[in-house]
N, C-alpha and C. Protein backbone atom coordinates (compact mmCIF):
# COMPACT_ATOMS: atom_id res chain seq x y z
N MET A 1 36.60 -21.22 -17.17
CA MET A 1 35.19 -21.38 -16.97
C MET A 1 34.52 -21.71 -18.29
N GLU A 2 33.69 -22.74 -18.30
CA GLU A 2 32.95 -23.11 -19.51
C GLU A 2 31.77 -22.16 -19.70
N ASN A 3 31.61 -21.64 -20.90
CA ASN A 3 30.50 -20.73 -21.19
C ASN A 3 29.21 -21.53 -21.37
N ILE A 4 28.09 -20.90 -21.02
CA ILE A 4 26.79 -21.51 -21.26
C ILE A 4 25.97 -20.58 -22.13
N GLY A 5 24.92 -21.09 -22.70
CA GLY A 5 24.03 -20.25 -23.50
C GLY A 5 24.73 -19.64 -24.68
N ASP A 6 24.67 -18.31 -24.76
CA ASP A 6 25.24 -17.61 -25.91
C ASP A 6 26.74 -17.39 -25.78
N GLY A 7 27.35 -17.87 -24.69
CA GLY A 7 28.79 -17.80 -24.54
C GLY A 7 29.33 -16.52 -23.93
N ARG A 8 28.45 -15.58 -23.57
CA ARG A 8 28.92 -14.33 -22.96
C ARG A 8 29.34 -14.58 -21.52
N VAL A 9 30.52 -14.11 -21.17
CA VAL A 9 30.99 -14.14 -19.79
C VAL A 9 31.02 -12.70 -19.30
N ILE A 10 30.39 -12.46 -18.16
CA ILE A 10 30.28 -11.12 -17.60
C ILE A 10 31.17 -11.04 -16.36
N CYS A 11 31.87 -9.93 -16.20
CA CYS A 11 32.73 -9.72 -15.04
C CYS A 11 32.15 -8.64 -14.14
N HIS A 12 32.19 -8.88 -12.83
CA HIS A 12 31.72 -7.90 -11.84
C HIS A 12 32.78 -7.76 -10.76
N GLN A 13 32.80 -6.59 -10.12
CA GLN A 13 33.72 -6.34 -9.02
C GLN A 13 33.07 -5.37 -8.05
N ASN A 14 33.21 -5.65 -6.75
CA ASN A 14 32.76 -4.75 -5.67
C ASN A 14 31.28 -4.40 -5.76
N VAL A 15 30.45 -5.43 -5.98
CA VAL A 15 29.00 -5.23 -6.01
C VAL A 15 28.34 -6.49 -5.44
N GLU A 16 27.21 -6.29 -4.78
CA GLU A 16 26.37 -7.40 -4.29
C GLU A 16 25.18 -7.47 -5.23
N ILE A 17 24.84 -8.66 -5.71
CA ILE A 17 23.74 -8.81 -6.66
C ILE A 17 22.74 -9.82 -6.10
N VAL A 18 21.48 -9.41 -6.02
CA VAL A 18 20.39 -10.29 -5.59
C VAL A 18 19.51 -10.52 -6.81
N THR A 19 19.26 -11.78 -7.14
CA THR A 19 18.43 -12.14 -8.28
C THR A 19 17.20 -12.90 -7.80
N TYR A 20 16.03 -12.49 -8.25
CA TYR A 20 14.77 -13.18 -7.94
C TYR A 20 14.14 -13.62 -9.25
N ILE A 21 13.81 -14.91 -9.35
CA ILE A 21 13.22 -15.45 -10.56
C ILE A 21 11.69 -15.33 -10.47
N VAL A 22 11.11 -14.56 -11.38
CA VAL A 22 9.66 -14.37 -11.42
C VAL A 22 9.00 -15.54 -12.16
N ASP A 23 9.49 -15.86 -13.35
CA ASP A 23 8.99 -16.97 -14.17
C ASP A 23 10.14 -17.55 -14.97
N GLY A 24 10.07 -18.85 -15.25
CA GLY A 24 11.08 -19.49 -16.08
C GLY A 24 12.23 -20.05 -15.27
N VAL A 25 13.33 -20.35 -15.98
CA VAL A 25 14.51 -20.94 -15.36
C VAL A 25 15.75 -20.20 -15.85
N LEU A 26 16.57 -19.73 -14.91
CA LEU A 26 17.84 -19.06 -15.23
C LEU A 26 18.97 -20.00 -14.85
N THR A 27 19.84 -20.33 -15.81
CA THR A 27 21.01 -21.16 -15.53
C THR A 27 22.21 -20.25 -15.36
N HIS A 28 22.92 -20.43 -14.23
CA HIS A 28 24.05 -19.58 -13.82
C HIS A 28 25.29 -20.45 -13.65
N GLN A 29 26.42 -19.94 -14.12
CA GLN A 29 27.72 -20.58 -13.88
C GLN A 29 28.73 -19.49 -13.63
N ASP A 30 29.63 -19.72 -12.63
CA ASP A 30 30.60 -18.67 -12.32
C ASP A 30 32.01 -19.23 -12.12
N SER A 31 32.97 -18.32 -12.00
CA SER A 31 34.38 -18.67 -11.89
C SER A 31 34.74 -19.30 -10.55
N MET A 32 33.80 -19.38 -9.62
CA MET A 32 34.04 -20.05 -8.34
C MET A 32 33.59 -21.51 -8.40
N GLY A 33 33.11 -21.95 -9.57
CA GLY A 33 32.72 -23.34 -9.76
C GLY A 33 31.24 -23.62 -9.54
N THR A 34 30.46 -22.59 -9.28
CA THR A 34 29.02 -22.75 -9.09
C THR A 34 28.33 -22.88 -10.44
N ARG A 35 27.49 -23.88 -10.56
CA ARG A 35 26.60 -24.00 -11.73
C ARG A 35 25.26 -24.46 -11.20
N GLU A 36 24.23 -23.66 -11.45
CA GLU A 36 22.91 -24.00 -10.94
C GLU A 36 21.85 -23.43 -11.84
N SER A 37 20.69 -24.08 -11.80
CA SER A 37 19.51 -23.58 -12.50
C SER A 37 18.51 -23.13 -11.46
N LEU A 38 18.05 -21.90 -11.60
CA LEU A 38 17.14 -21.29 -10.64
C LEU A 38 15.76 -21.18 -11.26
N GLY A 39 14.75 -21.73 -10.58
CA GLY A 39 13.39 -21.70 -11.08
C GLY A 39 12.55 -20.64 -10.38
N ARG A 40 11.29 -20.57 -10.79
CA ARG A 40 10.34 -19.59 -10.27
C ARG A 40 10.37 -19.54 -8.73
N GLY A 41 10.51 -18.32 -8.20
CA GLY A 41 10.54 -18.11 -6.75
C GLY A 41 11.92 -18.23 -6.13
N SER A 42 12.92 -18.63 -6.90
CA SER A 42 14.28 -18.78 -6.37
C SER A 42 14.94 -17.42 -6.17
N VAL A 43 15.82 -17.36 -5.19
CA VAL A 43 16.60 -16.15 -4.91
C VAL A 43 18.08 -16.54 -4.90
N GLN A 44 18.90 -15.76 -5.55
CA GLN A 44 20.34 -15.99 -5.56
C GLN A 44 21.04 -14.73 -5.06
N PHE A 45 22.02 -14.91 -4.18
CA PHE A 45 22.85 -13.82 -3.70
C PHE A 45 24.27 -14.04 -4.22
N MET A 46 24.84 -13.02 -4.86
CA MET A 46 26.21 -13.11 -5.35
C MET A 46 26.98 -11.89 -4.88
N SER A 47 28.07 -12.14 -4.19
CA SER A 47 28.96 -11.07 -3.74
C SER A 47 30.19 -11.12 -4.63
N ALA A 48 30.34 -10.14 -5.51
CA ALA A 48 31.41 -10.17 -6.51
C ALA A 48 32.79 -9.92 -5.92
N GLY A 49 32.85 -9.23 -4.78
CA GLY A 49 34.14 -8.99 -4.12
C GLY A 49 35.18 -8.41 -5.06
N HIS A 50 36.41 -8.95 -4.97
CA HIS A 50 37.50 -8.42 -5.80
C HIS A 50 37.41 -8.84 -7.25
N GLY A 51 36.40 -9.66 -7.57
CA GLY A 51 36.17 -9.99 -8.97
C GLY A 51 35.61 -11.38 -9.17
N ILE A 52 34.59 -11.49 -9.99
CA ILE A 52 33.99 -12.77 -10.33
C ILE A 52 33.53 -12.71 -11.78
N GLN A 53 33.67 -13.82 -12.48
CA GLN A 53 33.17 -13.94 -13.85
C GLN A 53 31.99 -14.89 -13.82
N HIS A 54 30.96 -14.58 -14.59
CA HIS A 54 29.83 -15.51 -14.64
C HIS A 54 29.11 -15.40 -15.97
N SER A 55 28.30 -16.42 -16.20
CA SER A 55 27.46 -16.47 -17.39
C SER A 55 26.08 -16.90 -16.92
N GLU A 56 25.06 -16.28 -17.43
CA GLU A 56 23.69 -16.68 -17.10
C GLU A 56 22.85 -16.62 -18.36
N HIS A 57 21.95 -17.59 -18.46
CA HIS A 57 21.20 -17.70 -19.71
C HIS A 57 19.92 -18.50 -19.49
N ASN A 58 18.94 -18.25 -20.33
CA ASN A 58 17.71 -19.04 -20.37
C ASN A 58 17.94 -20.18 -21.36
N LEU A 59 18.11 -21.40 -20.85
CA LEU A 59 18.33 -22.56 -21.71
C LEU A 59 17.04 -23.33 -21.99
N GLU A 60 15.93 -22.83 -21.47
CA GLU A 60 14.63 -23.50 -21.61
C GLU A 60 13.83 -22.88 -22.76
N ASP A 61 12.72 -23.55 -23.12
CA ASP A 61 11.84 -23.06 -24.18
C ASP A 61 10.85 -22.01 -23.68
N GLU A 62 10.63 -21.94 -22.37
CA GLU A 62 9.67 -20.97 -21.84
C GLU A 62 10.34 -19.63 -21.57
N PRO A 63 9.56 -18.54 -21.60
CA PRO A 63 10.12 -17.21 -21.34
C PRO A 63 10.68 -17.11 -19.92
N LEU A 64 11.67 -16.25 -19.76
CA LEU A 64 12.31 -16.01 -18.45
C LEU A 64 12.08 -14.57 -18.05
N ARG A 65 11.63 -14.38 -16.81
CA ARG A 65 11.51 -13.03 -16.23
C ARG A 65 12.17 -13.07 -14.86
N PHE A 66 13.07 -12.12 -14.63
CA PHE A 66 13.72 -12.04 -13.33
C PHE A 66 14.03 -10.60 -12.98
N VAL A 67 14.24 -10.37 -11.69
CA VAL A 67 14.56 -9.04 -11.17
C VAL A 67 15.92 -9.12 -10.51
N GLN A 68 16.77 -8.12 -10.76
CA GLN A 68 18.07 -8.06 -10.08
C GLN A 68 18.19 -6.73 -9.35
N ILE A 69 18.74 -6.83 -8.14
CA ILE A 69 19.05 -5.65 -7.33
C ILE A 69 20.55 -5.62 -7.17
N TRP A 70 21.16 -4.50 -7.53
CA TRP A 70 22.61 -4.33 -7.42
C TRP A 70 22.91 -3.35 -6.30
N ILE A 71 23.79 -3.74 -5.41
CA ILE A 71 24.14 -2.92 -4.25
C ILE A 71 25.66 -2.70 -4.24
N ASN A 72 26.08 -1.45 -4.21
CA ASN A 72 27.50 -1.15 -4.09
C ASN A 72 27.99 -1.53 -2.70
N THR A 73 29.17 -2.11 -2.61
CA THR A 73 29.71 -2.55 -1.32
C THR A 73 30.31 -1.39 -0.54
N ARG A 74 30.34 -1.55 0.77
CA ARG A 74 30.98 -0.53 1.63
C ARG A 74 32.49 -0.69 1.62
N ARG A 75 32.95 -1.94 1.42
CA ARG A 75 34.39 -2.21 1.36
C ARG A 75 34.73 -2.81 0.01
N ASP A 76 35.84 -2.38 -0.57
CA ASP A 76 36.26 -2.89 -1.87
C ASP A 76 37.17 -4.11 -1.71
N ASN A 77 37.14 -4.95 -2.74
CA ASN A 77 38.09 -6.04 -2.92
C ASN A 77 38.04 -7.11 -1.84
N ILE A 78 36.84 -7.43 -1.33
CA ILE A 78 36.70 -8.54 -0.41
C ILE A 78 36.66 -9.85 -1.21
N GLU A 79 36.68 -11.00 -0.54
CA GLU A 79 36.60 -12.29 -1.21
C GLU A 79 35.20 -12.46 -1.81
N PRO A 80 35.10 -12.93 -3.05
CA PRO A 80 33.78 -13.17 -3.65
C PRO A 80 33.08 -14.35 -2.96
N VAL A 81 31.76 -14.30 -2.93
CA VAL A 81 30.96 -15.39 -2.35
C VAL A 81 29.83 -15.71 -3.31
């Protein structure tokens, strides 16, 4: 996976993550091949399953504000989505 922004790659497992962009643009890239930029009002759902690596960063000049909700899964080690 190619790193974006500051090059940090974060790993998650067995968690559901909901991201809501309040202001700015968040660029996301993950080990499943997804690369997208999310703007104000966007919502992203990520199911880490048995494991996913991702990088997210503000590549724009304007400030970024976002909210994340993390939910523990009822079942471990499912396929990431």
